[in-house]
Amino acid sequence: MEKAIINKIIEINECCLPISKLILNNNTLGAYSTSELFLMDVYSRKNITASGFAKNYGLSQSYVGKIARRLEKDGMLVRTQYEEDTRFILLSITEKGKTFIESTIKTKNSELCEKLSLLSDREQSELITAFCKITDILK
């Protein structure tokens, strides 16, 4: 890999680090908690497994299992055994969970739009173009 590319990746990482810390420490910039991401995933797909979520996000199955149990206790989702293979637990969102996550998405999107509105039109366009390029490459 060319030194220029490596240096640019390092520069991007250095720029993103303070933003990542802000997101993790203050849950700002429209960031979602792990529980919220988990519910969003269950909401957007039907009958997913906790192990599938753990694998997709690089989390331990025990950690995701704790989140699933807590969300079930809170009435946000239902866990049921998969009939064809009882080793798997399928997750489904409840009406309470659906209402919660839809409200959360709306609030987070609004917060993010507010933060991005502080940028000029040109800066917003450049940011979107850059994010599109990065996500296209990483897919």
Protein backbone atom coordinates (compact mmCIF):
# COMPACT_ATOMS: atom_id res chain seq x y z
CA MET A 1 0.00 0.00 0.00
CA GLU A 2 1.29 3.42 -0.87
CA LYS A 3 2.62 5.54 1.96
CA ALA A 4 0.27 8.38 0.95
CA ILE A 5 -2.78 6.11 1.36
CA ILE A 6 -1.57 4.85 4.73
CA ASN A 7 -0.96 8.42 5.90
CA LYS A 8 -4.46 9.45 4.77
CA ILE A 9 -6.04 6.52 6.64
CA ILE A 10 -4.10 7.51 9.77
CA GLU A 11 -5.28 11.10 9.33
CA ILE A 12 -8.92 9.97 8.98
CA ASN A 13 -8.59 7.82 12.10
CA GLU A 14 -7.12 10.74 14.03
CA CYS A 15 -9.99 12.99 12.92
CA CYS A 16 -12.61 10.39 13.82
CA LEU A 17 -11.20 9.53 17.24
CA PRO A 18 -12.50 12.65 19.03
CA ILE A 19 -15.89 12.19 17.37
CA SER A 20 -15.97 8.53 18.42
CA LYS A 21 -15.13 9.51 22.00
CA LEU A 22 -17.87 12.14 21.97
CA ILE A 23 -20.37 9.60 20.71
CA LEU A 24 -19.37 6.97 23.26
CA ASN A 25 -19.08 9.34 26.22
CA ASN A 26 -22.01 11.67 25.60
CA ASN A 27 -24.20 9.85 23.10
CA THR A 28 -24.19 12.97 20.94
CA LEU A 29 -24.19 13.50 17.19
CA GLY A 30 -27.17 11.22 16.72
CA ALA A 31 -25.33 8.15 18.02
CA TYR A 32 -27.23 5.07 19.12
CA SER A 33 -26.55 2.92 22.16
CA THR A 34 -25.93 -0.79 21.66
CA SER A 35 -29.43 -1.54 22.95
CA GLU A 36 -30.93 0.93 20.48
CA LEU A 37 -28.89 -0.53 17.60
CA PHE A 38 -30.02 -3.98 18.66
CA LEU A 39 -33.69 -2.95 18.68
CA MET A 40 -33.27 -1.21 15.31
CA ASP A 41 -31.87 -4.41 13.86
CA VAL A 42 -34.76 -6.47 15.24
CA TYR A 43 -37.20 -3.80 14.02
CA SER A 44 -35.81 -3.71 10.48
CA ARG A 45 -35.63 -7.48 10.02
CA LYS A 46 -38.02 -10.20 11.05
CA ASN A 47 -36.93 -12.88 13.48
CA ILE A 48 -33.20 -12.31 13.80
CA THR A 49 -30.96 -14.09 16.27
CA ALA A 50 -28.85 -12.54 19.00
CA SER A 51 -25.83 -14.47 17.73
CA GLY A 52 -26.33 -12.99 14.25
CA PHE A 53 -26.41 -9.48 15.71
CA ALA A 54 -23.32 -10.22 17.81
CA LYS A 55 -21.43 -11.44 14.76
CA ASN A 56 -22.47 -8.45 12.60
CA TYR A 57 -21.34 -5.92 15.20
CA GLY A 58 -18.31 -7.79 16.56
CA LEU A 59 -19.81 -8.20 20.03
CA SER A 60 -19.72 -11.18 22.36
CA GLN A 61 -22.77 -13.42 22.38
CA SER A 62 -23.01 -13.21 26.17
CA TYR A 63 -23.13 -9.39 26.05
CA VAL A 64 -25.83 -9.43 23.38
CA GLY A 65 -27.71 -12.10 25.33
CA LYS A 66 -27.79 -9.79 28.37
CA ILE A 67 -29.13 -6.96 26.23
CA ALA A 68 -31.80 -9.26 24.76
CA ARG A 69 -32.90 -10.47 28.19
CA ARG A 70 -33.11 -6.90 29.51
CA LEU A 71 -35.11 -5.73 26.47
CA GLU A 72 -37.43 -8.71 26.87
CA LYS A 73 -37.90 -7.89 30.56
CA ASP A 74 -38.71 -4.29 29.56
CA GLY A 75 -41.34 -5.57 27.11
CA MET A 76 -39.46 -4.35 24.01
CA LEU A 77 -38.90 -7.73 22.37
CA VAL A 78 -39.85 -11.37 22.56
CA ARG A 79 -37.43 -14.29 22.40
CA THR A 80 -38.69 -17.63 21.04
CA GLN A 81 -36.93 -20.88 20.22
CA TYR A 82 -36.51 -21.64 16.53
CA GLU A 83 -38.60 -24.73 15.80
CA GLU A 84 -36.21 -26.24 13.24
CA ASP A 85 -33.12 -25.86 15.44
CA THR A 86 -33.71 -25.29 19.15
CA ARG A 87 -30.16 -23.98 19.61
CA PHE A 88 -31.30 -20.70 18.03
CA ILE A 89 -33.42 -18.05 19.71
CA LEU A 90 -35.41 -15.81 17.37
CA LEU A 91 -36.07 -12.23 18.35
CA SER A 92 -39.20 -10.23 17.50
CA ILE A 93 -40.02 -6.65 18.39
CA THR A 94 -43.15 -5.90 20.41
CA GLU A 95 -45.49 -2.94 19.85
CA LYS A 96 -43.84 -1.22 22.82
CA GLY A 97 -40.41 -1.80 21.25
CA LYS A 98 -41.62 -0.63 17.86
CA THR A 99 -43.04 2.60 19.30
CA PHE A 100 -39.84 3.20 21.29
CA ILE A 101 -37.44 2.64 18.39
CA GLU A 102 -39.49 4.70 15.92
CA SER A 103 -39.47 7.59 18.39
CA THR A 104 -35.74 7.14 19.03
CA ILE A 105 -34.93 7.14 15.31
CA LYS A 106 -36.98 10.30 14.80
CA THR A 107 -35.25 12.05 17.72
CA LYS A 108 -31.72 10.99 16.71
CA ASN A 109 -32.29 12.01 13.08
CA SER A 110 -33.52 15.40 14.24
CA GLU A 111 -30.48 15.86 16.50
CA LEU A 112 -28.12 14.90 13.69
CA CYS A 113 -29.82 17.25 11.21
CA GLU A 114 -29.51 20.06 13.74
CA LYS A 115 -25.77 19.43 14.16
CA LEU A 116 -25.20 19.14 10.41
CA SER A 117 -27.12 22.36 9.76
CA LEU A 118 -24.22 24.20 11.37
CA LEU A 119 -22.14 23.26 8.31
CA SER A 120 -22.29 25.24 5.09
CA ASP A 121 -24.04 23.69 2.07
CA ARG A 122 -20.65 23.04 0.49
CA GLU A 123 -19.33 21.36 3.67
CA GLN A 124 -22.47 19.21 3.93
CA SER A 125 -22.12 18.13 0.31
CA GLU A 126 -18.42 17.33 0.74
CA LEU A 127 -19.14 15.36 3.92
CA ILE A 128 -21.87 13.29 2.25
CA THR A 129 -19.66 12.63 -0.78
CA ALA A 130 -16.78 11.54 1.46
CA PHE A 131 -18.98 9.24 3.55
CA CYS A 132 -20.46 7.71 0.39
CA LYS A 133 -17.01 6.98 -0.99
CA ILE A 134 -15.81 5.47 2.29
CA THR A 135 -18.87 3.24 2.73
CA ASP A 136 -18.76 2.14 -0.92
CA ILE A 137 -15.14 1.07 -0.52
CA LEU A 138 -15.73 -0.72 2.79
CA LYS A 139 -18.77 -2.67 1.57
